[in-house]
Structures are given as C-alpha cells and as structure tokens.
C-alpha cells in the first residue's frame, strides 16, 4: 500500500507574476544599441492640404538629430 508524504515535493509555492516581472525588469535593463533613424525611400511625397505640408529633408534631419534623446527617455 502507498503512503502520504508529510509535505509535497516539487516546485515551491508560485510567486505572484508582478513580483517576477518587476524583478526581471530591474535586474536586466534594456539597452538599445541603435537609435531611431527615420528616412523616406523613393523621394518625398505628400498630398497637399490646407492644414498640412510635405516633409522636407530639413524636417528629417531635425527628427534624426534628436533621435537619441527621444529614444533614450
């Protein structure tokens, strides 16, 4: 005949998911090796409307210049 063990064997009591998630995020922070770089392939294209204008090369340069600051925060 079989017998009952005083305490169950196997995995320990489950840990709440929030504790596990917070621990994994803080112990291994994500560091991006590349910064954002926006480009337009095939030339600049846009439909002209009274409220909007086409994106210019200057606009793209400004966006990419601040890519490190935008992505790093």
N, C-alpha and C. Protein backbone atom coordinates (compact mmCIF):
# COMPACT_ATOMS: atom_id res chain seq x y z
N UNK A 1 0.83 -1.18 0.00
CA UNK A 1 0.00 0.00 0.00
C UNK A 1 0.87 1.25 0.00
N UNK A 2 0.30 2.31 -0.49
CA UNK A 2 1.03 3.57 -0.55
C UNK A 2 0.96 4.33 0.75
N UNK A 3 1.65 5.42 0.79
CA UNK A 3 1.64 6.27 1.98
C UNK A 3 1.63 7.73 1.56
N UNK A 4 1.20 8.60 2.44
CA UNK A 4 1.16 10.03 2.16
C UNK A 4 2.43 10.70 2.67
N UNK A 5 2.99 11.58 1.89
CA UNK A 5 4.17 12.31 2.33
C UNK A 5 3.73 13.47 3.21
N UNK A 6 4.53 13.80 4.23
CA UNK A 6 4.16 14.91 5.10
C UNK A 6 4.08 16.25 4.35
N UNK A 7 4.99 16.49 3.41
CA UNK A 7 4.96 17.72 2.61
C UNK A 7 5.14 17.37 1.14
N UNK A 8 4.48 18.10 0.29
CA UNK A 8 4.56 17.82 -1.14
C UNK A 8 5.95 18.14 -1.67
N UNK A 9 6.39 17.34 -2.62
CA UNK A 9 7.68 17.59 -3.27
C UNK A 9 7.42 18.27 -4.61
N UNK A 10 8.43 18.90 -5.17
CA UNK A 10 8.28 19.54 -6.47
C UNK A 10 8.54 21.03 -6.39
N UNK A 11 7.81 21.78 -7.20
CA UNK A 11 8.08 23.21 -7.24
C UNK A 11 7.62 23.91 -5.97
N UNK A 12 8.30 25.00 -5.64
CA UNK A 12 7.88 25.79 -4.48
C UNK A 12 6.56 26.50 -4.77
N UNK A 13 6.07 27.20 -3.80
CA UNK A 13 4.81 27.93 -3.98
C UNK A 13 4.95 28.94 -5.11
N UNK A 14 3.92 29.11 -5.91
CA UNK A 14 4.01 30.06 -7.03
C UNK A 14 4.25 31.49 -6.54
N UNK A 15 5.05 32.21 -7.30
CA UNK A 15 5.33 33.62 -6.99
C UNK A 15 4.37 34.46 -7.80
N UNK A 16 3.78 35.50 -7.21
CA UNK A 16 2.88 36.36 -7.99
C UNK A 16 3.60 36.93 -9.21
N UNK A 17 2.89 37.02 -10.33
CA UNK A 17 3.50 37.48 -11.58
C UNK A 17 4.09 38.88 -11.47
N UNK A 18 3.49 39.75 -10.68
CA UNK A 18 4.01 41.12 -10.58
C UNK A 18 5.41 41.12 -9.97
N UNK A 19 5.64 40.30 -8.96
CA UNK A 19 6.97 40.24 -8.36
C UNK A 19 8.00 39.74 -9.37
N UNK A 20 7.66 38.71 -10.11
CA UNK A 20 8.58 38.16 -11.10
C UNK A 20 8.87 39.18 -12.18
N UNK A 21 7.84 39.86 -12.67
CA UNK A 21 8.02 40.85 -13.73
C UNK A 21 8.92 41.99 -13.27
N UNK A 22 8.63 42.55 -12.10
CA UNK A 22 9.43 43.67 -11.60
C UNK A 22 10.88 43.26 -11.39
N UNK A 23 11.09 42.07 -10.87
CA UNK A 23 12.44 41.59 -10.63
C UNK A 23 13.19 41.43 -11.95
N UNK A 24 12.55 40.86 -12.96
CA UNK A 24 13.23 40.65 -14.24
C UNK A 24 13.53 41.97 -14.95
N UNK A 25 12.63 42.94 -14.82
CA UNK A 25 12.86 44.24 -15.47
C UNK A 25 13.99 45.00 -14.80
N UNK A 26 14.01 45.01 -13.48
CA UNK A 26 15.05 45.78 -12.79
C UNK A 26 16.41 45.10 -12.82
N UNK A 27 16.44 43.78 -12.90
CA UNK A 27 17.74 43.10 -12.89
C UNK A 27 18.40 43.11 -14.26
N UNK A 28 17.62 43.22 -15.33
CA UNK A 28 18.18 43.23 -16.68
C UNK A 28 17.60 44.39 -17.48
N UNK A 29 18.08 45.62 -17.27
CA UNK A 29 17.52 46.75 -18.02
C UNK A 29 17.83 46.62 -19.51
N UNK A 30 16.92 47.08 -20.32
CA UNK A 30 17.10 47.01 -21.77
C UNK A 30 17.92 48.20 -22.24
N UNK A 31 18.95 47.92 -23.01
CA UNK A 31 19.77 48.99 -23.59
C UNK A 31 19.75 48.81 -25.10
N UNK A 32 19.30 49.82 -25.78
CA UNK A 32 19.22 49.75 -27.23
C UNK A 32 20.58 50.07 -27.83
N UNK A 33 20.98 49.29 -28.81
CA UNK A 33 22.27 49.53 -29.45
C UNK A 33 22.15 50.51 -30.61
N UNK A 34 20.94 50.71 -31.12
CA UNK A 34 20.75 51.63 -32.25
C UNK A 34 19.72 52.67 -31.88
N UNK A 35 19.92 53.85 -32.39
CA UNK A 35 18.97 54.92 -32.16
C UNK A 35 18.08 55.09 -33.38
N UNK A 36 16.97 55.73 -33.15
CA UNK A 36 15.98 55.93 -34.21
C UNK A 36 16.60 56.68 -35.39
N UNK A 37 16.25 56.27 -36.59
CA UNK A 37 16.70 56.96 -37.79
C UNK A 37 15.57 56.86 -38.81
N UNK A 38 14.93 57.97 -39.07
CA UNK A 38 13.78 57.99 -39.97
C UNK A 38 14.23 58.41 -41.35
N UNK A 39 13.76 57.71 -42.36
CA UNK A 39 14.09 58.07 -43.74
C UNK A 39 12.85 57.84 -44.61
N UNK A 40 12.87 58.43 -45.79
CA UNK A 40 11.79 58.24 -46.75
C UNK A 40 12.41 57.69 -48.02
N UNK A 41 12.01 56.48 -48.39
CA UNK A 41 12.54 55.86 -49.60
C UNK A 41 11.69 56.29 -50.80
N UNK A 42 12.32 56.47 -51.92
CA UNK A 42 11.59 56.82 -53.13
C UNK A 42 11.21 58.29 -53.23
N UNK A 43 11.88 59.15 -52.48
CA UNK A 43 11.61 60.58 -52.56
C UNK A 43 10.50 61.03 -51.64
N UNK A 44 10.42 62.32 -51.46
CA UNK A 44 9.40 62.90 -50.59
C UNK A 44 8.08 63.00 -51.35
N UNK A 45 7.02 62.48 -50.72
CA UNK A 45 5.70 62.50 -51.36
C UNK A 45 4.68 62.97 -50.34
N UNK A 46 3.69 63.69 -50.80
CA UNK A 46 2.65 64.15 -49.89
C UNK A 46 1.47 64.67 -50.70
N UNK A 47 0.30 64.53 -50.11
CA UNK A 47 -0.87 65.19 -50.69
C UNK A 47 -0.98 66.54 -50.00
N UNK A 48 -1.11 67.58 -50.75
CA UNK A 48 -1.18 68.92 -50.16
C UNK A 48 -2.61 69.20 -49.69
N UNK A 49 -2.70 69.66 -48.46
CA UNK A 49 -3.99 70.07 -47.91
C UNK A 49 -3.76 71.40 -47.20
N UNK A 50 -4.81 72.14 -46.91
CA UNK A 50 -4.63 73.44 -46.25
C UNK A 50 -3.95 73.34 -44.87
N UNK A 51 -4.13 72.23 -44.16
CA UNK A 51 -3.60 72.13 -42.80
C UNK A 51 -2.22 71.48 -42.71
N UNK A 52 -1.81 70.76 -43.75
CA UNK A 52 -0.55 70.01 -43.68
C UNK A 52 0.37 70.40 -44.82
N UNK A 53 1.66 70.13 -44.63
CA UNK A 53 2.63 70.37 -45.68
C UNK A 53 3.51 69.13 -45.82
N UNK A 54 4.27 69.06 -46.88
CA UNK A 54 5.16 67.93 -47.11
C UNK A 54 6.31 67.93 -46.12
N UNK A 55 6.83 66.76 -45.84
CA UNK A 55 8.02 66.63 -45.00
C UNK A 55 9.23 67.00 -45.84
N UNK A 56 10.11 67.79 -45.28
CA UNK A 56 11.30 68.21 -46.03
C UNK A 56 12.54 67.47 -45.51
N UNK A 57 13.61 67.56 -46.26
CA UNK A 57 14.88 66.97 -45.81
C UNK A 57 15.31 67.59 -44.49
N UNK A 58 15.05 68.88 -44.34
CA UNK A 58 15.39 69.58 -43.10
C UNK A 58 14.61 69.01 -41.92
N UNK A 59 13.31 68.71 -42.14
CA UNK A 59 12.49 68.11 -41.08
C UNK A 59 13.07 66.76 -40.65
N UNK A 60 13.44 65.94 -41.63
CA UNK A 60 14.01 64.63 -41.30
C UNK A 60 15.32 64.77 -40.54
N UNK A 61 16.14 65.73 -40.93
CA UNK A 61 17.41 65.95 -40.23
C UNK A 61 17.17 66.33 -38.77
N UNK A 62 16.18 67.19 -38.54
CA UNK A 62 15.86 67.61 -37.16
C UNK A 62 15.38 66.42 -36.33
N UNK A 63 14.50 65.62 -36.90
CA UNK A 63 13.99 64.45 -36.18
C UNK A 63 15.13 63.51 -35.83
N UNK A 64 15.98 63.21 -36.80
CA UNK A 64 17.09 62.28 -36.56
C UNK A 64 18.14 62.84 -35.61
N UNK A 65 18.32 64.16 -35.60
CA UNK A 65 19.27 64.78 -34.69
C UNK A 65 18.87 64.54 -33.24
N UNK A 66 17.57 64.57 -32.98
CA UNK A 66 17.08 64.39 -31.61
C UNK A 66 16.67 62.94 -31.32
N UNK A 67 16.95 62.02 -32.21
CA UNK A 67 16.57 60.62 -32.03
C UNK A 67 17.12 60.00 -30.77
N UNK A 68 18.37 60.28 -30.43
CA UNK A 68 18.99 59.72 -29.23
C UNK A 68 18.26 60.18 -27.98
N UNK A 69 17.92 61.47 -27.93
CA UNK A 69 17.21 62.00 -26.75
C UNK A 69 15.80 61.43 -26.65
N UNK A 70 15.12 61.33 -27.78
CA UNK A 70 13.75 60.82 -27.78
C UNK A 70 13.72 59.36 -27.36
N UNK A 71 14.60 58.56 -27.93
CA UNK A 71 14.59 57.13 -27.66
C UNK A 71 15.17 56.81 -26.29
N UNK A 72 16.08 57.64 -25.79
CA UNK A 72 16.73 57.36 -24.52
C UNK A 72 15.88 57.64 -23.30
N UNK A 73 14.77 58.33 -23.46
CA UNK A 73 13.94 58.70 -22.31
C UNK A 73 12.77 57.79 -22.16
